[in-house]
Amino acid sequence: MILNSLSLCYHNKLILAPMVRVGTLPMRLLALDYGADIVYCEELIDLKMIQCKRVVNEVLSTVDFVAPDDRVVFRTCEREQNRVVFQM
């Protein structure tokens, strides 16, 4: 069987399930530290994301999506690359 290397395979994986107000970057990284293979971010609204500006945060080594009111709507980092599910 050939698998697409860009898709997530859920077979025999430990997954941090989607939870309300618990899918922030610190929780996702903690779950990865404790052995999770796949983590979910909190569910975000498409209109909110389309208004965001993508900002590289050099201090935290993250990529932030910042709303017009300067609130970080979504934050990710290299450690969770290919292992985070973005829910919109």
PDB file of N, CA and C in Angstrom:
ATOM      1  N   MET A   1       0.843  -1.180   0.000  1.00  0.00           N
ATOM      2  CA  MET A   1       0.000   0.000   0.000  1.00  0.00           C
ATOM      3  C   MET A   1       0.885   1.238   0.000  1.00  0.00           C
ATOM      4  N   ILE A   2       0.599   2.191  -0.875  1.00  0.00           N
ATOM      5  CA  ILE A   2       1.355   3.436  -0.968  1.00  0.00           C
ATOM      6  C   ILE A   2       0.563   4.537  -0.273  1.00  0.00           C
ATOM      7  N   LEU A   3       1.229   5.254   0.638  1.00  0.00           N
ATOM      8  CA  LEU A   3       0.584   6.350   1.355  1.00  0.00           C
ATOM      9  C   LEU A   3       1.142   7.675   0.889  1.00  0.00           C
ATOM     10  N   ASN A   4       0.298   8.675   0.816  1.00  0.00           N
ATOM     11  CA  ASN A   4       0.731  10.036   0.514  1.00  0.00           C
ATOM     12  C   ASN A   4       1.501  10.553   1.722  1.00  0.00           C
ATOM     13  N   SER A   5       2.743  10.947   1.536  1.00  0.00           N
ATOM     14  CA  SER A   5       3.582  11.363   2.658  1.00  0.00           C
ATOM     15  C   SER A   5       3.108  12.664   3.293  1.00  0.00           C
ATOM     16  N   LEU A   6       2.248  13.432   2.608  1.00  0.00           N
ATOM     17  CA  LEU A   6       1.764  14.689   3.160  1.00  0.00           C
ATOM     18  C   LEU A   6       0.478  14.523   3.966  1.00  0.00           C
ATOM     19  N   SER A   7      -0.126  13.353   3.919  1.00  0.00           N
ATOM     20  CA  SER A   7      -1.361  13.150   4.666  1.00  0.00           C
ATOM     21  C   SER A   7      -1.061  12.492   6.010  1.00  0.00           C
ATOM     22  N   LEU A   8      -1.948  12.711   6.962  1.00  0.00           N
ATOM     23  CA  LEU A   8      -1.791  12.107   8.275  1.00  0.00           C
ATOM     24  C   LEU A   8      -2.337  10.690   8.259  1.00  0.00           C
ATOM     25  N   CYS A   9      -1.598   9.783   8.817  1.00  0.00           N
ATOM     26  CA  CYS A   9      -2.048   8.407   8.970  1.00  0.00           C
ATOM     27  C   CYS A   9      -2.479   8.225  10.424  1.00  0.00           C
ATOM     28  N   TYR A  10      -3.707   7.814  10.648  1.00  0.00           N
ATOM     29  CA  TYR A  10      -4.246   7.685  11.997  1.00  0.00           C
ATOM     30  C   TYR A  10      -4.108   6.271  12.560  1.00  0.00           C
ATOM     31  N   HIS A  11      -3.607   5.343  11.768  1.00  0.00           N
ATOM     32  CA  HIS A  11      -3.506   3.952  12.203  1.00  0.00           C
ATOM     33  C   HIS A  11      -2.475   3.808  13.318  1.00  0.00           C
ATOM     34  N   ASN A  12      -2.890   3.243  14.437  1.00  0.00           N
ATOM     35  CA  ASN A  12      -2.007   2.927  15.562  1.00  0.00           C
ATOM     36  C   ASN A  12      -1.271   4.165  16.093  1.00  0.00           C
ATOM     37  N   LYS A  13      -1.964   5.288  16.196  1.00  0.00           N
ATOM     38  CA  LYS A  13      -1.359   6.548  16.648  1.00  0.00           C
ATOM     39  C   LYS A  13      -1.961   6.986  17.977  1.00  0.00           C
ATOM     40  N   LEU A  14      -1.163   7.701  18.760  1.00  0.00           N
ATOM     41  CA  LEU A  14      -1.658   8.386  19.953  1.00  0.00           C
ATOM     42  C   LEU A  14      -2.016   9.799  19.534  1.00  0.00           C
ATOM     43  N   ILE A  15      -3.253  10.206  19.822  1.00  0.00           N
ATOM     44  CA  ILE A  15      -3.760  11.474  19.305  1.00  0.00           C
ATOM     45  C   ILE A  15      -4.327  12.314  20.446  1.00  0.00           C
ATOM     46  N   LEU A  16      -3.912  13.583  20.492  1.00  0.00           N
ATOM     47  CA  LEU A  16      -4.553  14.536  21.388  1.00  0.00           C
ATOM     48  C   LEU A  16      -5.832  14.978  20.692  1.00  0.00           C
ATOM     49  N   ALA A  17      -6.961  14.519  21.209  1.00  0.00           N
ATOM     50  CA  ALA A  17      -8.250  14.793  20.575  1.00  0.00           C
ATOM     51  C   ALA A  17      -8.614  16.269  20.680  1.00  0.00           C
ATOM     52  N   PRO A  18      -9.465  16.736  19.769  1.00  0.00           N
ATOM     53  CA  PRO A  18      -9.917  18.128  19.841  1.00  0.00           C
ATOM     54  C   PRO A  18     -10.699  18.380  21.130  1.00  0.00           C
ATOM     55  N   MET A  19     -10.348  19.459  21.816  1.00  0.00           N
ATOM     56  CA  MET A  19     -11.044  19.843  23.045  1.00  0.00           C
ATOM     57  C   MET A  19     -11.215  21.358  23.060  1.00  0.00           C
ATOM     58  N   VAL A  20     -12.311  21.815  23.627  1.00  0.00           N
ATOM     59  CA  VAL A  20     -12.586  23.248  23.703  1.00  0.00           C
ATOM     60  C   VAL A  20     -11.591  23.918  24.648  1.00  0.00           C
ATOM     61  N   ARG A  21     -10.955  24.982  24.189  1.00  0.00           N
ATOM     62  CA  ARG A  21     -10.017  25.812  24.943  1.00  0.00           C
ATOM     63  C   ARG A  21      -8.798  25.057  25.478  1.00  0.00           C
ATOM     64  N   VAL A  22      -8.478  23.916  24.908  1.00  0.00           N
ATOM     65  CA  VAL A  22      -7.309  23.171  25.372  1.00  0.00           C
ATOM     66  C   VAL A  22      -6.342  22.877  24.230  1.00  0.00           C
ATOM     67  N   GLY A  23      -6.637  23.331  23.034  1.00  0.00           N
ATOM     68  CA  GLY A  23      -5.790  23.020  21.887  1.00  0.00           C
ATOM     69  C   GLY A  23      -4.732  24.064  21.596  1.00  0.00           C
ATOM     70  N   THR A  24      -4.295  24.800  22.602  1.00  0.00           N
ATOM     71  CA  THR A  24      -3.289  25.841  22.390  1.00  0.00           C
ATOM     72  C   THR A  24      -1.905  25.219  22.242  1.00  0.00           C
ATOM     73  N   LEU A  25      -0.968  25.998  21.748  1.00  0.00           N
ATOM     74  CA  LEU A  25       0.380  25.485  21.489  1.00  0.00           C
ATOM     75  C   LEU A  25       1.024  24.836  22.714  1.00  0.00           C
ATOM     76  N   PRO A  26       0.999  25.438  23.905  1.00  0.00           N
ATOM     77  CA  PRO A  26       1.636  24.765  25.048  1.00  0.00           C
ATOM     78  C   PRO A  26       1.073  23.371  25.314  1.00  0.00           C
ATOM     79  N   MET A  27      -0.236  23.210  25.219  1.00  0.00           N
ATOM     80  CA  MET A  27      -0.845  21.896  25.440  1.00  0.00           C
ATOM     81  C   MET A  27      -0.468  20.923  24.336  1.00  0.00           C
ATOM     82  N   ARG A  28      -0.445  21.396  23.100  1.00  0.00           N
ATOM     83  CA  ARG A  28      -0.065  20.519  21.987  1.00  0.00           C
ATOM     84  C   ARG A  28       1.379  20.050  22.139  1.00  0.00           C
ATOM     85  N   LEU A  29       2.272  20.950  22.529  1.00  0.00           N
ATOM     86  CA  LEU A  29       3.677  20.572  22.711  1.00  0.00           C
ATOM     87  C   LEU A  29       3.839  19.607  23.882  1.00  0.00           C
ATOM     88  N   LEU A  30       3.086  19.826  24.949  1.00  0.00           N
ATOM     89  CA  LEU A  30       3.125  18.913  26.089  1.00  0.00           C
ATOM     90  C   LEU A  30       2.666  17.519  25.672  1.00  0.00           C
ATOM     91  N   ALA A  31       1.601  17.464  24.889  1.00  0.00           N
ATOM     92  CA  ALA A  31       1.109  16.174  24.402  1.00  0.00           C
ATOM     93  C   ALA A  31       2.158  15.485  23.530  1.00  0.00           C
ATOM     94  N   LEU A  32       2.841  16.245  22.677  1.00  0.00           N
ATOM     95  CA  LEU A  32       3.912  15.668  21.856  1.00  0.00           C
ATOM     96  C   LEU A  32       5.050  15.161  22.737  1.00  0.00           C
ATOM     97  N   ASP A  33       5.393  15.913  23.786  1.00  0.00           N
ATOM     98  CA  ASP A  33       6.442  15.482  24.724  1.00  0.00           C
ATOM     99  C   ASP A  33       6.078  14.168  25.406  1.00  0.00           C
ATOM    100  N   TYR A  34       4.784  13.958  25.647  1.00  0.00           N
ATOM    101  CA  TYR A  34       4.325  12.741  26.315  1.00  0.00           C
ATOM    102  C   TYR A  34       3.968  11.626  25.335  1.00  0.00           C
ATOM    103  N   GLY A  35       4.323  11.802  24.067  1.00  0.00           N
ATOM    104  CA  GLY A  35       4.201  10.703  23.126  1.00  0.00           C
ATOM    105  C   GLY A  35       3.106  10.781  22.088  1.00  0.00           C
ATOM    106  N   ALA A  36       2.351  11.867  22.048  1.00  0.00           N
ATOM    107  CA  ALA A  36       1.310  11.980  21.022  1.00  0.00           C
ATOM    108  C   ALA A  36       1.952  12.044  19.637  1.00  0.00           C
ATOM    109  N   ASP A  37       1.320  11.399  18.688  1.00  0.00           N
ATOM    110  CA  ASP A  37       1.790  11.431  17.302  1.00  0.00           C
ATOM    111  C   ASP A  37       1.112  12.544  16.514  1.00  0.00           C
ATOM    112  N   ILE A  38      -0.140  12.846  16.870  1.00  0.00           N
ATOM    113  CA  ILE A  38      -0.943  13.854  16.180  1.00  0.00           C
ATOM    114  C   ILE A  38      -1.649  14.695  17.239  1.00  0.00           C
ATOM    115  N   VAL A  39      -1.677  16.007  17.024  1.00  0.00           N
ATOM    116  CA  VAL A  39      -2.367  16.909  17.948  1.00  0.00           C
ATOM    117  C   VAL A  39      -3.304  17.819  17.164  1.00  0.00           C
ATOM    118  N   TYR A  40      -4.395  18.212  17.788  1.00  0.00           N
ATOM    119  CA  TYR A  40      -5.382  19.104  17.174  1.00  0.00           C
ATOM    120  C   TYR A  40      -5.307  20.482  17.814  1.00  0.00           C
ATOM    121  N   CYS A  41      -5.456  21.515  16.991  1.00  0.00           N
ATOM    122  CA  CYS A  41      -5.588  22.864  17.537  1.00  0.00           C
ATOM    123  C   CYS A  41      -7.057  23.094  17.872  1.00  0.00           C
ATOM    124  N   GLU A  42      -7.320  24.206  18.547  1.00  0.00           N
ATOM    125  CA  GLU A  42      -8.709  24.554  18.811  1.00  0.00           C
ATOM    126  C   GLU A  42      -9.402  24.882  17.493  1.00  0.00           C
ATOM    127  N   GLU A  43     -10.719  24.731  17.457  1.00  0.00           N
ATOM    128  CA  GLU A  43     -11.459  25.025  16.228  1.00  0.00           C
ATOM    129  C   GLU A  43     -11.531  26.539  16.029  1.00  0.00           C
ATOM    130  N   LEU A  44     -11.166  26.991  14.834  1.00  0.00           N
ATOM    131  CA  LEU A  44     -11.132  28.422  14.536  1.00  0.00           C
ATOM    132  C   LEU A  44     -12.135  28.760  13.438  1.00  0.00           C
ATOM    133  N   ILE A  45     -12.587  29.990  13.446  1.00  0.00           N
ATOM    134  CA  ILE A  45     -13.570  30.455  12.470  1.00  0.00           C
ATOM    135  C   ILE A  45     -12.845  31.023  11.259  1.00  0.00           C
ATOM    136  N   ASP A  46     -13.301  30.645  10.070  1.00  0.00           N
ATOM    137  CA  ASP A  46     -12.625  31.053   8.840  1.00  0.00           C
ATOM    138  C   ASP A  46     -12.532  32.566   8.686  1.00  0.00           C
ATOM    139  N   LEU A  47     -13.579  33.295   9.034  1.00  0.00           N
ATOM    140  CA  LEU A  47     -13.558  34.751   8.901  1.00  0.00           C
ATOM    141  C   LEU A  47     -12.479  35.371   9.789  1.00  0.00           C
ATOM    142  N   LYS A  48     -12.312  34.800  10.966  1.00  0.00           N
ATOM    143  CA  LYS A  48     -11.280  35.299  11.876  1.00  0.00           C
ATOM    144  C   LYS A  48      -9.887  35.067  11.283  1.00  0.00           C
ATOM    145  N   MET A  49      -9.694  33.899  10.685  1.00  0.00           N
ATOM    146  CA  MET A  49      -8.378  33.576  10.115  1.00  0.00           C
ATOM    147  C   MET A  49      -8.061  34.434   8.894  1.00  0.00           C
ATOM    148  N   ILE A  50      -9.059  34.708   8.079  1.00  0.00           N
ATOM    149  CA  ILE A  50      -8.814  35.487   6.865  1.00  0.00           C
ATOM    150  C   ILE A  50      -8.417  36.927   7.199  1.00  0.00           C
ATOM    151  N   GLN A  51      -8.784  37.395   8.370  1.00  0.00           N
ATOM    152  CA  GLN A  51      -8.427  38.743   8.806  1.00  0.00           C
ATOM    153  C   GLN A  51      -7.040  38.804   9.443  1.00  0.00           C
ATOM    154  N   CYS A  52      -6.468  37.650   9.719  1.00  0.00           N
ATOM    155  CA  CYS A  52      -5.185  37.598  10.429  1.00  0.00           C
ATOM    156  C   CYS A  52      -4.001  37.908   9.521  1.00  0.00           C
ATOM    157  N   LYS A  53      -2.954  38.345  10.163  1.00  0.00           N
ATOM    158  CA  LYS A  53      -1.680  38.576   9.497  1.00  0.00           C
ATOM    159  C   LYS A  53      -0.699  37.523  10.010  1.00  0.00           C
ATOM    160  N   ARG A  54       0.028  36.905   9.101  1.00  0.00           N
ATOM    161  CA  ARG A  54       1.031  35.901   9.477  1.00  0.00           C
ATOM    162  C   ARG A  54       2.298  36.624   9.918  1.00  0.00           C
ATOM    163  N   VAL A  55       2.763  36.314  11.129  1.00  0.00           N
ATOM    164  CA  VAL A  55       3.927  36.983  11.699  1.00  0.00           C
ATOM    165  C   VAL A  55       4.907  35.934  12.210  1.00  0.00           C
ATOM    166  N   VAL A  56       6.159  36.035  11.789  1.00  0.00           N
ATOM    167  CA  VAL A  56       7.202  35.156  12.320  1.00  0.00           C
ATOM    168  C   VAL A  56       7.677  35.759  13.633  1.00  0.00           C
ATOM    169  N   ASN A  57       7.518  35.010  14.704  1.00  0.00           N
ATOM    170  CA  ASN A  57       7.910  35.458  16.037  1.00  0.00           C
ATOM    171  C   ASN A  57       9.306  34.910  16.328  1.00  0.00           C
ATOM    172  N   GLU A  58      10.311  35.743  16.152  1.00  0.00           N
ATOM    173  CA  GLU A  58      11.707  35.326  16.342  1.00  0.00           C
ATOM    174  C   GLU A  58      12.005  34.999  17.803  1.00  0.00           C
ATOM    175  N   VAL A  59      11.361  35.683  18.733  1.00  0.00           N
ATOM    176  CA  VAL A  59      11.617  35.476  20.162  1.00  0.00           C
ATOM    177  C   VAL A  59      11.205  34.072  20.592  1.00  0.00           C
ATOM    178  N   LEU A  60      10.032  33.629  20.152  1.00  0.00           N
ATOM    179  CA  LEU A  60       9.518  32.316  20.543  1.00  0.00           C
ATOM    180  C   LEU A  60       9.784  31.225  19.512  1.00  0.00           C
ATOM    181  N   SER A  61      10.356  31.595  18.371  1.00  0.00           N
ATOM    182  CA  SER A  61      10.570  30.650  17.263  1.00  0.00           C
ATOM    183  C   SER A  61       9.248  30.022  16.822  1.00  0.00           C
ATOM    184  N   THR A  62       8.239  30.871  16.664  1.00  0.00           N
ATOM    185  CA  THR A  62       6.919  30.419  16.248  1.00  0.00           C
ATOM    186  C   THR A  62       6.447  31.219  15.048  1.00  0.00           C
ATOM    187  N   VAL A  63       5.387  30.738  14.440  1.00  0.00           N
ATOM    188  CA  VAL A  63       4.668  31.502  13.427  1.00  0.00           C
ATOM    189  C   VAL A  63       3.308  31.808  14.037  1.00  0.00           C
ATOM    190  N   ASP A  64       2.993  33.087  14.133  1.00  0.00           N
ATOM    191  CA  ASP A  64       1.752  33.536  14.752  1.00  0.00           C
ATOM    192  C   ASP A  64       0.805  34.087  13.696  1.00  0.00           C
ATOM    193  N   PHE A  65      -0.468  33.858  13.889  1.00  0.00           N
ATOM    194  CA  PHE A  65      -1.495  34.466  13.060  1.00  0.00           C
ATOM    195  C   PHE A  65      -2.226  35.448  13.963  1.00  0.00           C
ATOM    196  N   VAL A  66      -2.029  36.734  13.677  1.00  0.00           N
ATOM    197  CA  VAL A  66      -2.437  37.802  14.577  1.00  0.00           C
ATOM    198  C   VAL A  66      -3.640  38.550  14.001  1.00  0.00           C
ATOM    199  N   ALA A  67      -4.673  38.711  14.831  1.00  0.00           N
ATOM    200  CA  ALA A  67      -5.892  39.433  14.445  1.00  0.00           C
ATOM    201  C   ALA A  67      -5.624  40.935  14.428  1.00  0.00           C
ATOM    202  N   PRO A  68      -6.500  41.703  13.787  1.00  0.00           N
ATOM    203  CA  PRO A  68      -6.330  43.164  13.748  1.00  0.00           C
ATOM    204  C   PRO A  68      -6.243  43.817  15.130  1.00  0.00           C
ATOM    205  N   ASP A  69      -6.810  43.172  16.154  1.00  0.00           N
ATOM    206  CA  ASP A  69      -6.727  43.723  17.512  1.00  0.00           C
ATOM    207  C   ASP A  69      -5.466  43.260  18.251  1.00  0.00           C
ATOM    208  N   ASP A  70      -4.489  42.720  17.504  1.00  0.00           N
ATOM    209  CA  ASP A  70      -3.195  42.249  18.019  1.00  0.00           C
ATOM    210  C   ASP A  70      -3.287  40.992  18.886  1.00  0.00           C
ATOM    211  N   ARG A  71      -4.386  40.296  18.840  1.00  0.00           N
ATOM    212  CA  ARG A  71      -4.520  39.039  19.573  1.00  0.00           C
ATOM    213  C   ARG A  71      -4.033  37.892  18.698  1.00  0.00           C
ATOM    214  N   VAL A  72      -3.236  37.006  19.275  1.00  0.00           N
ATOM    215  CA  VAL A  72      -2.759  35.834  18.539  1.00  0.00           C
ATOM    216  C   VAL A  72      -3.900  34.824  18.464  1.00  0.00           C
ATOM    217  N   VAL A  73      -4.333  34.534  17.247  1.00  0.00           N
ATOM    218  CA  VAL A  73      -5.446  33.613  17.023  1.00  0.00           C
ATOM    219  C   VAL A  73      -4.935  32.178  16.922  1.00  0.00           C
ATOM    220  N   PHE A  74      -3.793  31.998  16.276  1.00  0.00           N
ATOM    221  CA  PHE A  74      -3.191  30.665  16.135  1.00  0.00           C
ATOM    222  C   PHE A  74      -1.684  30.814  16.166  1.00  0.00           C
ATOM    223  N   ARG A  75      -1.029  29.890  16.867  1.00  0.00           N
ATOM    224  CA  ARG A  75       0.435  29.895  16.953  1.00  0.00           C
ATOM    225  C   ARG A  75       0.919  28.467  16.727  1.00  0.00           C
ATOM    226  N   THR A  76       1.967  28.334  15.933  1.00  0.00           N
ATOM    227  CA  THR A  76       2.545  27.020  15.680  1.00  0.00           C
ATOM    228  C   THR A  76       4.061  27.133  15.664  1.00  0.00           C
ATOM    229  N   CYS A  77       4.719  25.990  15.711  1.00  0.00           N
ATOM    230  CA  CYS A  77       6.185  25.983  15.684  1.00  0.00           C
ATOM    231  C   CYS A  77       6.671  24.740  14.941  1.00  0.00           C
ATOM    232  N   GLU A  78       7.954  24.700  14.705  1.00  0.00           N
ATOM    233  CA  GLU A  78       8.542  23.616  13.913  1.00  0.00           C
ATOM    234  C   GLU A  78       8.371  22.247  14.570  1.00  0.00           C
ATOM    235  N   ARG A  79       8.349  22.201  15.898  1.00  0.00           N
ATOM    236  CA  ARG A  79       8.229  20.915  16.600  1.00  0.00           C
ATOM    237  C   ARG A  79       6.955  20.155  16.246  1.00  0.00           C
ATOM    238  N   GLU A  80       5.902  20.870  15.882  1.00  0.00           N
ATOM    239  CA  GLU A  80       4.653  20.173  15.572  1.00  0.00           C
ATOM    240  C   GLU A  80       4.388  20.068  14.071  1.00  0.00           C
ATOM    241  N   GLN A  81       5.394  20.377  13.275  1.00  0.00           N
ATOM    242  CA  GLN A  81       5.249  20.300  11.819  1.00  0.00           C
ATOM    243  C   GLN A  81       4.845  18.890  11.403  1.00  0.00           C
ATOM    244  N   ASN A  82       3.859  18.811  10.535  1.00  0.00           N
ATOM    245  CA  ASN A  82       3.313  17.547  10.012  1.00  0.00           C
ATOM    246  C   ASN A  82       2.611  16.706  11.073  1.00  0.00           C
ATOM    247  N   ARG A  83       2.369  17.277  12.267  1.00  0.00           N
ATOM    248  CA  ARG A  83       1.688  16.514  13.317  1.00  0.00           C
ATOM    249  C   ARG A  83       0.522  17.281  13.934  1.00  0.00           C
ATOM    250  N   VAL A  84       0.271  18.492  13.452  1.00  0.00           N
ATOM    251  CA  VAL A  84      -0.846  19.277  13.973  1.00  0.00           C
ATOM    252  C   VAL A  84      -1.976  19.303  12.945  1.00  0.00           C
ATOM    253  N   VAL A  85      -3.194  19.136  13.440  1.00  0.00           N
ATOM    254  CA  VAL A  85      -4.378  19.230  12.594  1.00  0.00           C
ATOM    255  C   VAL A  85      -4.998  20.599  12.858  1.00  0.00           C
ATOM    256  N   PHE A  86      -5.060  21.418  11.807  1.00  0.00           N
ATOM    257  CA  PHE A  86      -5.646  22.750  11.906  1.00  0.00           C
ATOM    258  C   PHE A  86      -7.135  22.640  11.623  1.00  0.00           C
ATOM    259  N   GLN A  87      -7.963  22.983  12.610  1.00  0.00           N
ATOM    260  CA  GLN A  87      -9.422  22.869  12.468  1.00  0.00           C
ATOM    261  C   GLN A  87     -10.035  24.221  12.162  1.00  0.00           C
ATOM    262  N   MET A  88     -10.745  24.300  11.064  1.00  0.00           N
ATOM    263  CA  MET A  88     -11.399  25.555  10.714  1.00  0.00           C
ATOM    264  C   MET A  88     -12.874  25.308  10.487  1.00  0.00           C
TER     265      MET A  88
END
